PDB file of N, CA and C in Angstrom:
ATOM      1  N   UNK A   1      87.584  94.073  88.451  1.00  0.00           N
ATOM      2  CA  UNK A   1      87.964  94.282  89.844  1.00  0.00           C
ATOM      3  C   UNK A   1      89.406  93.801  90.049  1.00  0.00           C
ATOM      4  N   UNK A   2      90.202  94.647  90.668  1.00  0.00           N
ATOM      5  CA  UNK A   2      91.595  94.305  90.939  1.00  0.00           C
ATOM      6  C   UNK A   2      91.685  93.313  92.086  1.00  0.00           C
ATOM      7  N   UNK A   3      92.585  92.354  91.947  1.00  0.00           N
ATOM      8  CA  UNK A   3      92.780  91.428  93.060  1.00  0.00           C
ATOM      9  C   UNK A   3      93.798  92.016  94.024  1.00  0.00           C
ATOM     10  N   UNK A   4      93.618  91.674  95.282  1.00  0.00           N
ATOM     11  CA  UNK A   4      94.522  92.182  96.311  1.00  0.00           C
ATOM     12  C   UNK A   4      95.858  91.461  96.229  1.00  0.00           C
ATOM     13  N   UNK A   5      96.944  92.178  96.489  1.00  0.00           N
ATOM     14  CA  UNK A   5      98.243  91.492  96.515  1.00  0.00           C
ATOM     15  C   UNK A   5      98.272  90.462  97.639  1.00  0.00           C
ATOM     16  N   UNK A   6      99.094  89.452  97.479  1.00  0.00           N
ATOM     17  CA  UNK A   6      99.242  88.398  98.485  1.00  0.00           C
ATOM     18  C   UNK A   6     100.562  88.611  99.211  1.00  0.00           C
ATOM     19  N   UNK A   7     100.513  88.541 100.525  1.00  0.00           N
ATOM     20  CA  UNK A   7     101.737  88.657 101.324  1.00  0.00           C
ATOM     21  C   UNK A   7     102.559  87.393 101.100  1.00  0.00           C
ATOM     22  N   UNK A   8     103.781  87.529 100.574  1.00  0.00           N
ATOM     23  CA  UNK A   8     104.569  86.330 100.298  1.00  0.00           C
ATOM     24  C   UNK A   8     105.027  85.595 101.566  1.00  0.00           C
ATOM     25  N   UNK A   9     105.011  86.265 102.713  1.00  0.00           N
ATOM     26  CA  UNK A   9     105.433  85.590 103.937  1.00  0.00           C
ATOM     27  C   UNK A   9     104.311  84.708 104.484  1.00  0.00           C
ATOM     28  N   UNK A  10     103.127  85.292 104.707  1.00  0.00           N
ATOM     29  CA  UNK A  10     102.048  84.526 105.354  1.00  0.00           C
ATOM     30  C   UNK A  10     101.042  83.951 104.370  1.00  0.00           C
ATOM     31  N   UNK A  11     101.046  84.432 103.123  1.00  0.00           N
ATOM     32  CA  UNK A  11     100.129  83.903 102.113  1.00  0.00           C
ATOM     33  C   UNK A  11      98.727  84.474 102.161  1.00  0.00           C
ATOM     34  N   UNK A  12      98.475  85.435 103.062  1.00  0.00           N
ATOM     35  CA  UNK A  12      97.142  86.055 103.133  1.00  0.00           C
ATOM     36  C   UNK A  12      97.082  87.254 102.200  1.00  0.00           C
ATOM     37  N   UNK A  13      95.863  87.592 101.713  1.00  0.00           N
ATOM     38  CA  UNK A  13      95.728  88.799 100.884  1.00  0.00           C
ATOM     39  C   UNK A  13      96.061  90.045 101.715  1.00  0.00           C
ATOM     40  N   UNK A  14      96.476  91.099 101.033  1.00  0.00           N
ATOM     41  CA  UNK A  14      96.742  92.383 101.689  1.00  0.00           C
ATOM     42  C   UNK A  14      95.687  93.374 101.194  1.00  0.00           C
ATOM     43  N   UNK A  15      94.578  93.524 101.943  1.00  0.00           N
ATOM     44  CA  UNK A  15      93.542  94.466 101.501  1.00  0.00           C
ATOM     45  C   UNK A  15      94.045  95.912 101.613  1.00  0.00           C
ATOM     46  N   UNK A  16      93.439  96.839 100.847  1.00  0.00           N
ATOM     47  CA  UNK A  16      93.912  98.232 100.842  1.00  0.00           C
ATOM     48  C   UNK A  16      93.948  98.871 102.240  1.00  0.00           C
ATOM     49  N   UNK A  17      93.026  98.490 103.119  1.00  0.00           N
ATOM     50  CA  UNK A  17      92.974  99.099 104.449  1.00  0.00           C
ATOM     51  C   UNK A  17      93.978  98.484 105.425  1.00  0.00           C
ATOM     52  N   UNK A  18      94.618  97.400 105.054  1.00  0.00           N
ATOM     53  CA  UNK A  18      95.573  96.731 105.958  1.00  0.00           C
ATOM     54  C   UNK A  18      96.872  97.527 106.040  1.00  0.00           C
ATOM     55  N   UNK A  19      97.469  97.524 107.219  1.00  0.00           N
ATOM     56  CA  UNK A  19      98.791  98.143 107.365  1.00  0.00           C
ATOM     57  C   UNK A  19      99.779  97.274 106.599  1.00  0.00           C
ATOM     58  N   UNK A  20     100.603  97.910 105.791  1.00  0.00           N
ATOM     59  CA  UNK A  20     101.514  97.185 104.906  1.00  0.00           C
ATOM     60  C   UNK A  20     102.791  97.981 104.712  1.00  0.00           C
ATOM     61  N   UNK A  21     103.840  97.304 104.293  1.00  0.00           N
ATOM     62  CA  UNK A  21     105.098  97.997 104.010  1.00  0.00           C
ATOM     63  C   UNK A  21     105.964  97.154 103.096  1.00  0.00           C
ATOM     64  N   UNK A  22     106.976  97.808 102.531  1.00  0.00           N
ATOM     65  CA  UNK A  22     107.920  97.126 101.652  1.00  0.00           C
ATOM     66  C   UNK A  22     109.108  96.638 102.471  1.00  0.00           C
ATOM     67  N   UNK A  23     109.520  95.414 102.201  1.00  0.00           N
ATOM     68  CA  UNK A  23     110.678  94.819 102.877  1.00  0.00           C
ATOM     69  C   UNK A  23     111.784  94.628 101.855  1.00  0.00           C
ATOM     70  N   UNK A  24     112.958  95.181 102.152  1.00  0.00           N
ATOM     71  CA  UNK A  24     114.137  94.944 101.311  1.00  0.00           C
ATOM     72  C   UNK A  24     114.682  93.566 101.652  1.00  0.00           C
ATOM     73  N   UNK A  25     114.768  92.685 100.677  1.00  0.00           N
ATOM     74  CA  UNK A  25     115.251  91.328 100.948  1.00  0.00           C
ATOM     75  C   UNK A  25     116.681  91.358 101.475  1.00  0.00           C
ATOM     76  N   UNK A  26     117.498  92.263 100.953  1.00  0.00           N
ATOM     77  CA  UNK A  26     118.822  92.527 101.535  1.00  0.00           C
ATOM     78  C   UNK A  26     118.690  93.908 102.175  1.00  0.00           C
ATOM     79  N   UNK A  27     118.914  94.015 103.482  1.00  0.00           N
ATOM     80  CA  UNK A  27     118.739  95.318 104.147  1.00  0.00           C
ATOM     81  C   UNK A  27     119.539  96.428 103.457  1.00  0.00           C
ATOM     82  N   UNK A  28     118.944  97.624 103.427  1.00  0.00           N
ATOM     83  CA  UNK A  28     119.606  98.769 102.784  1.00  0.00           C
ATOM     84  C   UNK A  28     120.988  99.009 103.383  1.00  0.00           C
ATOM     85  N   UNK A  29     121.098  98.857 104.698  1.00  0.00           N
ATOM     86  CA  UNK A  29     122.379  99.098 105.369  1.00  0.00           C
ATOM     87  C   UNK A  29     123.432  98.050 105.017  1.00  0.00           C
ATOM     88  N   UNK A  30     123.002  96.943 104.431  1.00  0.00           N
ATOM     89  CA  UNK A  30     123.930  95.861 104.075  1.00  0.00           C
ATOM     90  C   UNK A  30     124.058  95.717 102.561  1.00  0.00           C
ATOM     91  N   UNK A  31     123.821  96.799 101.833  1.00  0.00           N
ATOM     92  CA  UNK A  31     124.011  96.791 100.387  1.00  0.00           C
ATOM     93  C   UNK A  31     122.769  96.542  99.563  1.00  0.00           C
ATOM     94  N   UNK A  32     121.603  96.541 100.193  1.00  0.00           N
ATOM     95  CA  UNK A  32     120.377  96.234  99.465  1.00  0.00           C
ATOM     96  C   UNK A  32     119.636  97.425  98.898  1.00  0.00           C
ATOM     97  N   UNK A  33     120.187  98.635  99.042  1.00  0.00           N
ATOM     98  CA  UNK A  33     119.512  99.814  98.506  1.00  0.00           C
ATOM     99  C   UNK A  33     119.361  99.652  97.000  1.00  0.00           C
ATOM    100  N   UNK A  34     118.145  99.779  96.510  1.00  0.00           N
ATOM    101  CA  UNK A  34     117.893  99.597  95.084  1.00  0.00           C
ATOM    102  C   UNK A  34     117.697  98.135  94.700  1.00  0.00           C
ATOM    103  N   UNK A  35     117.816  97.235  95.675  1.00  0.00           N
ATOM    104  CA  UNK A  35     117.640  95.803  95.427  1.00  0.00           C
ATOM    105  C   UNK A  35     116.175  95.401  95.486  1.00  0.00           C
ATOM    106  N   UNK A  36     115.910  94.101  95.403  1.00  0.00           N
ATOM    107  CA  UNK A  36     114.523  93.630  95.383  1.00  0.00           C
ATOM    108  C   UNK A  36     113.792  93.905  96.701  1.00  0.00           C
ATOM    109  N   UNK A  37     112.516  94.292  96.550  1.00  0.00           N
ATOM    110  CA  UNK A  37     111.642  94.510  97.707  1.00  0.00           C
ATOM    111  C   UNK A  37     110.371  93.697  97.519  1.00  0.00           C
ATOM    112  N   UNK A  38     109.733  93.359  98.629  1.00  0.00           N
ATOM    113  CA  UNK A  38     108.456  92.651  98.584  1.00  0.00           C
ATOM    114  C   UNK A  38     107.461  93.385  99.479  1.00  0.00           C
ATOM    115  N   UNK A  39     106.199  93.392  99.075  1.00  0.00           N
ATOM    116  CA  UNK A  39     105.134  94.005  99.852  1.00  0.00           C
ATOM    117  C   UNK A  39     104.650  92.990 100.880  1.00  0.00           C
ATOM    118  N   UNK A  40     104.655  93.389 102.149  1.00  0.00           N
ATOM    119  CA  UNK A  40     104.231  92.522 103.250  1.00  0.00           C
ATOM    120  C   UNK A  40     103.197  93.225 104.110  1.00  0.00           C
ATOM    121  N   UNK A  41     102.418  92.424 104.866  1.00  0.00           N
ATOM    122  CA  UNK A  41     101.631  93.007 105.947  1.00  0.00           C
ATOM    123  C   UNK A  41     102.623  93.657 106.910  1.00  0.00           C
ATOM    124  N   UNK A  42     102.240  94.743 107.537  1.00  0.00           N
ATOM    125  CA  UNK A  42     103.130  95.397 108.494  1.00  0.00           C
ATOM    126  C   UNK A  42     103.485  94.449 109.638  1.00  0.00           C
ATOM    127  N   UNK A  43     102.517  93.659 110.114  1.00  0.00           N
ATOM    128  CA  UNK A  43     102.788  92.739 111.224  1.00  0.00           C
ATOM    129  C   UNK A  43     103.826  91.685 110.823  1.00  0.00           C
ATOM    130  N   UNK A  44     103.786  91.240 109.566  1.00  0.00           N
ATOM    131  CA  UNK A  44     104.773  90.261 109.085  1.00  0.00           C
ATOM    132  C   UNK A  44     106.155  90.911 109.000  1.00  0.00           C
ATOM    133  N   UNK A  45     106.191  92.145 108.507  1.00  0.00           N
ATOM    134  CA  UNK A  45     107.454  92.873 108.402  1.00  0.00           C
ATOM    135  C   UNK A  45     108.045  93.102 109.799  1.00  0.00           C
ATOM    136  N   UNK A  46     107.203  93.511 110.746  1.00  0.00           N
ATOM    137  CA  UNK A  46     107.670  93.737 112.120  1.00  0.00           C
ATOM    138  C   UNK A  46     108.261  92.464 112.704  1.00  0.00           C
ATOM    139  N   UNK A  47     107.610  91.338 112.452  1.00  0.00           N
ATOM    140  CA  UNK A  47     108.075  90.063 113.018  1.00  0.00           C
ATOM    141  C   UNK A  47     109.437  89.671 112.459  1.00  0.00           C
ATOM    142  N   UNK A  48     109.652  89.917 111.183  1.00  0.00           N
ATOM    143  CA  UNK A  48     110.953  89.621 110.572  1.00  0.00           C
ATOM    144  C   UNK A  48     112.051  90.391 111.313  1.00  0.00           C
ATOM    145  N   UNK A  49     111.816  91.692 111.514  1.00  0.00           N
ATOM    146  CA  UNK A  49     112.850  92.525 112.132  1.00  0.00           C
ATOM    147  C   UNK A  49     112.954  92.325 113.635  1.00  0.00           C
ATOM    148  N   UNK A  50     111.918  91.791 114.274  1.00  0.00           N
ATOM    149  CA  UNK A  50     112.007  91.459 115.698  1.00  0.00           C
ATOM    150  C   UNK A  50     112.764  90.148 115.891  1.00  0.00           C
ATOM    151  N   UNK A  51     112.839  89.351 114.841  1.00  0.00           N
ATOM    152  CA  UNK A  51     113.446  88.018 114.928  1.00  0.00           C
ATOM    153  C   UNK A  51     114.906  88.012 114.483  1.00  0.00           C
ATOM    154  N   UNK A  52     115.208  88.742 113.434  1.00  0.00           N
ATOM    155  CA  UNK A  52     116.535  88.649 112.810  1.00  0.00           C
ATOM    156  C   UNK A  52     117.259  89.991 112.772  1.00  0.00           C
ATOM    157  N   UNK A  53     118.566  89.943 112.909  1.00  0.00           N
ATOM    158  CA  UNK A  53     119.372  91.158 112.777  1.00  0.00           C
ATOM    159  C   UNK A  53     119.555  91.486 111.300  1.00  0.00           C
ATOM    160  N   UNK A  54     119.991  92.701 111.025  1.00  0.00           N
ATOM    161  CA  UNK A  54     120.267  93.101 109.636  1.00  0.00           C
ATOM    162  C   UNK A  54     121.332  92.181 109.031  1.00  0.00           C
ATOM    163  N   UNK A  55     122.356  91.855 109.822  1.00  0.00           N
ATOM    164  CA  UNK A  55     123.426  90.982 109.324  1.00  0.00           C
ATOM    165  C   UNK A  55     122.887  89.593 108.991  1.00  0.00           C
ATOM    166  N   UNK A  56     122.028  89.038 109.858  1.00  0.00           N
ATOM    167  CA  UNK A  56     121.437  87.716 109.591  1.00  0.00           C
ATOM    168  C   UNK A  56     120.571  87.763 108.337  1.00  0.00           C
ATOM    169  N   UNK A  57     119.793  88.839 108.190  1.00  0.00           N
ATOM    170  CA  UNK A  57     118.953  88.979 107.001  1.00  0.00           C
ATOM    171  C   UNK A  57     119.808  88.993 105.740  1.00  0.00           C
ATOM    172  N   UNK A  58     120.873  89.774 105.746  1.00  0.00           N
ATOM    173  CA  UNK A  58     121.732  89.879 104.558  1.00  0.00           C
ATOM    174  C   UNK A  58     122.450  88.572 104.269  1.00  0.00           C
ATOM    175  N   UNK A  59     122.924  87.912 105.322  1.00  0.00           N
ATOM    176  CA  UNK A  59     123.763  86.721 105.150  1.00  0.00           C
ATOM    177  C   UNK A  59     122.947  85.461 104.834  1.00  0.00           C
ATOM    178  N   UNK A  60     121.862  85.231 105.589  1.00  0.00           N
ATOM    179  CA  UNK A  60     121.172  83.932 105.508  1.00  0.00           C
ATOM    180  C   UNK A  60     119.695  83.983 105.127  1.00  0.00           C
ATOM    181  N   UNK A  61     119.086  85.162 105.151  1.00  0.00           N
ATOM    182  CA  UNK A  61     117.628  85.232 104.971  1.00  0.00           C
ATOM    183  C   UNK A  61     117.219  86.258 103.925  1.00  0.00           C
ATOM    184  N   UNK A  62     117.913  86.280 102.800  1.00  0.00           N
ATOM    185  CA  UNK A  62     117.652  87.267 101.752  1.00  0.00           C
ATOM    186  C   UNK A  62     116.635  86.771 100.722  1.00  0.00           C
ATOM    187  N   UNK A  63     115.822  85.781 101.099  1.00  0.00           N
ATOM    188  CA  UNK A  63     114.745  85.318 100.208  1.00  0.00           C
ATOM    189  C   UNK A  63     113.528  84.974 101.057  1.00  0.00           C
ATOM    190  N   UNK A  64     112.364  85.008 100.428  1.00  0.00           N
ATOM    191  CA  UNK A  64     111.134  84.647 101.140  1.00  0.00           C
ATOM    192  C   UNK A  64     111.207  83.194 101.593  1.00  0.00           C
ATOM    193  N   UNK A  65     111.762  82.323 100.760  1.00  0.00           N
ATOM    194  CA  UNK A  65     111.857  80.899 101.115  1.00  0.00           C
ATOM    195  C   UNK A  65     112.680  80.719 102.393  1.00  0.00           C
ATOM    196  N   UNK A  66     113.795  81.424 102.485  1.00  0.00           N
ATOM    197  CA  UNK A  66     114.643  81.327 103.678  1.00  0.00           C
ATOM    198  C   UNK A  66     113.915  81.867 104.907  1.00  0.00           C
ATOM    199  N   UNK A  67     113.219  83.004 104.743  1.00  0.00           N
ATOM    200  CA  UNK A  67     112.467  83.569 105.868  1.00  0.00           C
ATOM    201  C   UNK A  67     111.396  82.592 106.342  1.00  0.00           C
ATOM    202  N   UNK A  68     110.663  82.001 105.401  1.00  0.00           N
ATOM    203  CA  UNK A  68     109.584  81.064 105.763  1.00  0.00           C
ATOM    204  C   UNK A  68     110.132  79.814 106.451  1.00  0.00           C
ATOM    205  N   UNK A  69     111.385  79.465 106.187  1.00  0.00           N
ATOM    206  CA  UNK A  69     111.992  78.270 106.771  1.00  0.00           C
ATOM    207  C   UNK A  69     112.530  78.518 108.191  1.00  0.00           C
ATOM    208  N   UNK A  70     112.643  79.773 108.605  1.00  0.00           N
ATOM    209  CA  UNK A  70     113.150  80.079 109.947  1.00  0.00           C
ATOM    210  C   UNK A  70     112.140  79.550 110.977  1.00  0.00           C
ATOM    211  N   UNK A  71     112.598  78.798 111.992  1.00  0.00           N
ATOM    212  CA  UNK A  71     111.661  78.171 112.942  1.00  0.00           C
ATOM    213  C   UNK A  71     110.707  79.151 113.610  1.00  0.00           C
ATOM    214  N   UNK A  72     111.208  80.266 114.099  1.00  0.00           N
ATOM    215  CA  UNK A  72     110.345  81.221 114.790  1.00  0.00           C
ATOM    216  C   UNK A  72     109.361  81.870 113.826  1.00  0.00           C
ATOM    217  N   UNK A  73     109.828  82.239 112.635  1.00  0.00           N
ATOM    218  CA  UNK A  73     108.920  82.838 111.661  1.00  0.00           C
ATOM    219  C   UNK A  73     107.891  81.817 111.189  1.00  0.00           C
ATOM    220  N   UNK A  74     108.284  80.549 111.118  1.00  0.00           N
ATOM    221  CA  UNK A  74     107.332  79.493 110.763  1.00  0.00           C
ATOM    222  C   UNK A  74     106.193  79.418 111.768  1.00  0.00           C
ATOM    223  N   UNK A  75     106.520  79.515 113.048  1.00  0.00           N
ATOM    224  CA  UNK A  75     105.478  79.506 114.094  1.00  0.00           C
ATOM    225  C   UNK A  75     104.594  80.742 113.982  1.00  0.00           C
ATOM    226  N   UNK A  76     105.204  81.889 113.712  1.00  0.00           N
ATOM    227  CA  UNK A  76     104.443  83.123 113.534  1.00  0.00           C
ATOM    228  C   UNK A  76     103.483  82.999 112.352  1.00  0.00           C
ATOM    229  N   UNK A  77     103.976  82.466 111.232  1.00  0.00           N
ATOM    230  CA  UNK A  77     103.145  82.326 110.020  1.00  0.00           C
ATOM    231  C   UNK A  77     101.934  81.447 110.312  1.00  0.00           C
ATOM    232  N   UNK A  78     102.156  80.333 111.021  1.00  0.00           N
ATOM    233  CA  UNK A  78     101.042  79.447 111.395  1.00  0.00           C
ATOM    234  C   UNK A  78     100.008  80.184 112.232  1.00  0.00           C
ATOM    235  N   UNK A  79     100.496  81.000 113.161  1.00  0.00           N
ATOM    236  CA  UNK A  79      99.613  81.755 114.063  1.00  0.00           C
ATOM    237  C   UNK A  79      98.846  82.831 113.302  1.00  0.00           C
ATOM    238  N   UNK A  80      99.558  83.636 112.496  1.00  0.00           N
ATOM    239  CA  UNK A  80      98.918  84.775 111.839  1.00  0.00           C
ATOM    240  C   UNK A  80      97.993  84.328 110.708  1.00  0.00           C
ATOM    241  N   UNK A  81      98.220  83.153 110.166  1.00  0.00           N
ATOM    242  CA  UNK A  81      97.370  82.645 109.075  1.00  0.00           C
ATOM    243  C   UNK A  81      95.912  82.499 109.512  1.00  0.00           C
ATOM    244  N   UNK A  82      95.688  82.362 110.818  1.00  0.00           N
ATOM    245  CA  UNK A  82      94.325  82.202 111.340  1.00  0.00           C
ATOM    246  C   UNK A  82      93.637  83.550 111.590  1.00  0.00           C
ATOM    247  N   UNK A  83      94.351  84.645 111.355  1.00  0.00           N
ATOM    248  CA  UNK A  83      93.818  85.976 111.614  1.00  0.00           C
ATOM    249  C   UNK A  83      93.249  86.583 110.336  1.00  0.00           C
ATOM    250  N   UNK A  84      92.344  87.573 110.479  1.00  0.00           N
ATOM    251  CA  UNK A  84      91.819  88.253 109.280  1.00  0.00           C
ATOM    252  C   UNK A  84      92.946  88.926 108.493  1.00  0.00           C
ATOM    253  N   UNK A  85      92.718  89.133 107.197  1.00  0.00           N
ATOM    254  CA  UNK A  85      93.750  89.681 106.311  1.00  0.00           C
ATOM    255  C   UNK A  85      94.211  91.077 106.733  1.00  0.00           C
ATOM    256  N   UNK A  86      93.339  91.851 107.410  1.00  0.00           N
ATOM    257  CA  UNK A  86      93.742  93.201 107.827  1.00  0.00           C
ATOM    258  C   UNK A  86      94.133  93.252 109.310  1.00  0.00           C
ATOM    259  N   UNK A  87      94.360  92.087 109.920  1.00  0.00           N
ATOM    260  CA  UNK A  87      94.737  92.013 111.336  1.00  0.00           C
ATOM    261  C   UNK A  87      96.086  92.677 111.571  1.00  0.00           C
ATOM    262  N   UNK A  88      96.158  93.438 112.662  1.00  0.00           N
ATOM    263  CA  UNK A  88      97.442  94.020 113.081  1.00  0.00           C
ATOM    264  C   UNK A  88      97.450  94.096 114.598  1.00  0.00           C
ATOM    265  N   UNK A  89      98.587  93.799 115.165  1.00  0.00           N
ATOM    266  CA  UNK A  89      98.746  94.013 116.602  1.00  0.00           C
ATOM    267  C   UNK A  89     100.184  94.432 116.833  1.00  0.00           C
ATOM    268  N   UNK A  90     100.411  94.983 117.982  1.00  0.00           N
ATOM    269  CA  UNK A  90     101.763  95.433 118.307  1.00  0.00           C
ATOM    270  C   UNK A  90     102.667  94.210 118.432  1.00  0.00           C
ATOM    271  N   UNK A  91     103.829  94.287 117.819  1.00  0.00           N
ATOM    272  CA  UNK A  91     104.813  93.216 117.954  1.00  0.00           C
ATOM    273  C   UNK A  91     105.563  93.475 119.248  1.00  0.00           C
ATOM    274  N   UNK A  92     105.572  92.496 120.172  1.00  0.00           N
ATOM    275  CA  UNK A  92     106.308  92.721 121.420  1.00  0.00           C
ATOM    276  C   UNK A  92     107.766  93.082 121.126  1.00  0.00           C
ATOM    277  N   UNK A  93     108.412  93.727 122.080  1.00  0.00           N
ATOM    278  CA  UNK A  93     109.773  94.234 121.902  1.00  0.00           C
ATOM    279  C   UNK A  93     110.733  93.267 121.239  1.00  0.00           C
ATOM    280  N   UNK A  94     111.898  93.734 120.970  1.00  0.00           N
ATOM    281  CA  UNK A  94     112.923  92.927 120.303  1.00  0.00           C
ATOM    282  C   UNK A  94     113.140  91.627 121.064  1.00  0.00           C
ATOM    283  N   UNK A  95     113.114  90.540 120.329  1.00  0.00           N
ATOM    284  CA  UNK A  95     113.294  89.253 120.978  1.00  0.00           C
ATOM    285  C   UNK A  95     114.560  88.540 120.528  1.00  0.00           C
ATOM    286  N   UNK A  96     115.231  89.105 119.557  1.00  0.00           N
ATOM    287  CA  UNK A  96     116.452  88.442 119.113  1.00  0.00           C
ATOM    288  C   UNK A  96     117.545  88.665 120.169  1.00  0.00           C
ATOM    289  N   UNK A  97     118.450  87.727 120.230  1.00  0.00           N
ATOM    290  CA  UNK A  97     119.530  87.831 121.198  1.00  0.00           C
ATOM    291  C   UNK A  97     120.574  88.808 120.706  1.00  0.00           C
ATOM    292  N   UNK A  98     120.958  89.699 121.571  1.00  0.00           N
ATOM    293  CA  UNK A  98     122.010  90.665 121.253  1.00  0.00           C
ATOM    294  C   UNK A  98     123.359  90.036 121.584  1.00  0.00           C
ATOM    295  N   UNK A  99     124.307  90.210 120.707  1.00  0.00           N
ATOM    296  CA  UNK A  99     125.656  89.705 120.985  1.00  0.00           C
ATOM    297  C   UNK A  99     126.396  90.766 121.782  1.00  0.00           C
ATOM    298  N   UNK A 100     126.957  90.383 122.919  1.00  0.00           N
ATOM    299  CA  UNK A 100     127.648  91.359 123.768  1.00  0.00           C
ATOM    300  C   UNK A 100     129.075  91.547 123.304  1.00  0.00           C
TER     301      UNK A 100
END
């Protein structure tokens, strides 16, 4: 029996029926095309992009360790860890601050 992949952000298994996607550690638009990718729950991937801009991801958060250390993502990880492995909900709109 094959074991389910583990989401490197939240540490929960990713069952086949769970919504999932690949995350480029360096955004494609910032030179990450063809670079390393990680398989995440879709809800975890959505939260990353709702929290950080492409520039922030490329500059300061191009590793799972850096993402896990971000205060807001840390709170999200604590929250989602209590949910079933195939849990998904809509991520509320963009919450990162836009620079004017």
